[in-house]
């Protein structure tokens, strides 16, 4: 699993992004469990994720960050990236970000996709 920490900071909130090849919802949950075994990620406010499965279609989880999973799915669809889990993690900094949170989620996914390409 590729994990990129401390990629975005805004008004106290901090973001990380992670991802890995994944071919089922069960595997996605196992990968998420692996990520949460790191204390820092276990304490995160949100671990939102999206996955486009070739056989069954899109799967997402907002983890309390309403709309986050859909943003991740849209980015995966644009890239035509199937069977690959992307998780955007946020540690809430005490101030609401409003719509900026969606911009940060998109940027986190872009950063991940660029790093994955090498």
Protein backbone atom coordinates (compact mmCIF):
# COMPACT_ATOMS: atom_id res chain seq x y z
CA UNK A 1 0.00 0.00 0.00
CA UNK A 2 1.37 3.38 -1.02
CA UNK A 3 0.83 5.89 1.82
CA UNK A 4 1.55 9.60 1.42
CA UNK A 5 1.31 11.54 4.67
CA UNK A 6 1.11 15.27 5.43
CA UNK A 7 0.23 16.24 1.86
CA UNK A 8 -2.30 19.01 2.58
CA UNK A 9 -2.85 21.27 5.58
CA UNK A 10 -5.65 23.84 5.90
CA UNK A 11 -6.97 25.61 9.01
CA UNK A 12 -5.58 22.91 11.25
CA UNK A 13 -6.94 19.96 9.25
CA UNK A 14 -4.33 17.63 7.83
CA UNK A 15 -4.68 15.16 4.97
CA UNK A 16 -3.01 11.96 3.81
CA UNK A 17 -3.78 9.62 0.94
CA UNK A 18 -3.18 5.90 0.46
CA UNK A 19 -4.01 3.28 -2.11
CA UNK A 20 -3.35 -0.18 -3.47
CA UNK A 21 -4.56 -2.61 -6.10
CA UNK A 22 -7.78 -4.18 -4.84
CA UNK A 23 -10.26 -6.56 -6.46
CA UNK A 24 -13.06 -6.90 -3.89
CA UNK A 25 -14.90 -5.04 -1.16
CA UNK A 26 -13.57 -7.56 1.37
CA UNK A 27 -10.02 -6.84 0.28
CA UNK A 28 -10.73 -3.09 0.53
CA UNK A 29 -11.84 -3.55 4.14
CA UNK A 30 -8.72 -5.62 4.88
CA UNK A 31 -6.48 -2.91 3.36
CA UNK A 32 -8.31 -0.27 5.38
CA UNK A 33 -7.75 -2.37 8.50
CA UNK A 34 -4.06 -2.56 7.66
CA UNK A 35 -3.93 1.23 7.34
CA UNK A 36 -5.78 1.71 10.64
CA UNK A 37 -3.26 -0.50 12.42
CA UNK A 38 -1.03 2.55 12.25
CA UNK A 39 -1.96 4.53 15.38
CA UNK A 40 -1.97 7.81 13.50
CA UNK A 41 -4.57 6.55 11.01
CA UNK A 42 -6.62 4.83 13.70
CA UNK A 43 -7.01 8.25 15.37
CA UNK A 44 -8.00 10.02 12.14
CA UNK A 45 -11.35 11.78 11.99
CA UNK A 46 -12.17 10.35 8.54
CA UNK A 47 -10.78 7.56 6.35
CA UNK A 48 -12.96 8.02 3.24
CA UNK A 49 -12.45 5.66 0.32
CA UNK A 50 -13.56 4.69 -3.15
CA UNK A 51 -13.07 1.68 -5.41
CA UNK A 52 -14.25 0.88 -8.96
CA UNK A 53 -14.61 -2.88 -9.15
CA UNK A 54 -14.47 -4.33 -12.66
CA UNK A 55 -17.10 -6.97 -11.96
CA UNK A 56 -19.57 -5.25 -9.65
CA UNK A 57 -19.07 -1.49 -10.07
CA UNK A 58 -18.38 1.32 -7.62
CA UNK A 59 -18.03 0.94 -3.86
CA UNK A 60 -17.42 3.85 -1.49
CA UNK A 61 -17.46 4.85 2.15
CA UNK A 62 -17.57 8.46 3.35
CA UNK A 63 -16.61 7.58 6.94
CA UNK A 64 -18.51 10.62 8.18
CA UNK A 65 -17.11 13.03 5.56
CA UNK A 66 -20.34 13.37 3.58
CA UNK A 67 -19.76 13.19 -0.18
CA UNK A 68 -16.06 12.30 0.05
CA UNK A 69 -16.42 8.78 -1.34
CA UNK A 70 -18.28 10.10 -4.38
CA UNK A 71 -15.49 12.61 -5.09
CA UNK A 72 -12.93 9.78 -4.98
CA UNK A 73 -15.08 7.63 -7.29
CA UNK A 74 -15.39 10.47 -9.84
CA UNK A 75 -11.61 10.83 -9.90
CA UNK A 76 -11.18 7.06 -10.39
CA UNK A 77 -13.73 7.12 -13.22
CA UNK A 78 -11.92 9.99 -14.96
CA UNK A 79 -8.69 8.02 -14.77
CA UNK A 80 -10.47 4.81 -15.80
CA UNK A 81 -8.70 3.18 -12.85
CA UNK A 82 -10.47 -0.02 -11.89
CA UNK A 83 -9.66 -2.47 -9.09
CA UNK A 84 -7.62 0.09 -7.17
CA UNK A 85 -8.55 1.39 -3.71
CA UNK A 86 -7.88 5.03 -2.79
CA UNK A 87 -8.29 6.24 0.80
CA UNK A 88 -8.22 9.94 1.72
CA UNK A 89 -7.60 10.52 5.43
CA UNK A 90 -8.41 13.71 7.30
CA UNK A 91 -7.54 14.77 10.82
CA UNK A 92 -10.00 17.54 11.73
CA UNK A 93 -8.30 20.71 12.90
CA UNK A 94 -11.22 22.36 14.68
CA UNK A 95 -12.50 24.64 11.90
CA UNK A 96 -15.05 23.73 9.26
CA UNK A 97 -13.63 23.85 5.74
CA UNK A 98 -16.95 24.00 3.92
CA UNK A 99 -16.62 23.24 0.21
CA UNK A 100 -12.82 23.47 0.39
CA UNK A 101 -12.81 19.94 1.80
CA UNK A 102 -13.90 18.60 -1.61
CA UNK A 103 -11.09 20.50 -3.31
CA UNK A 104 -8.64 18.98 -0.82
CA UNK A 105 -9.98 15.46 -1.45
CA UNK A 106 -9.55 15.95 -5.21
CA UNK A 107 -6.03 17.28 -4.72
CA UNK A 108 -5.14 14.34 -2.44
CA UNK A 109 -6.29 11.87 -5.12
CA UNK A 110 -4.30 13.78 -7.78
CA UNK A 111 -1.19 13.62 -5.60
CA UNK A 112 -1.68 9.88 -5.17
CA UNK A 113 -2.22 9.26 -8.90
CA UNK A 114 0.91 11.28 -9.76
CA UNK A 115 3.01 9.38 -7.20
CA UNK A 116 1.65 6.07 -8.48
CA UNK A 117 2.70 6.93 -12.03
CA UNK A 118 6.18 7.63 -10.73
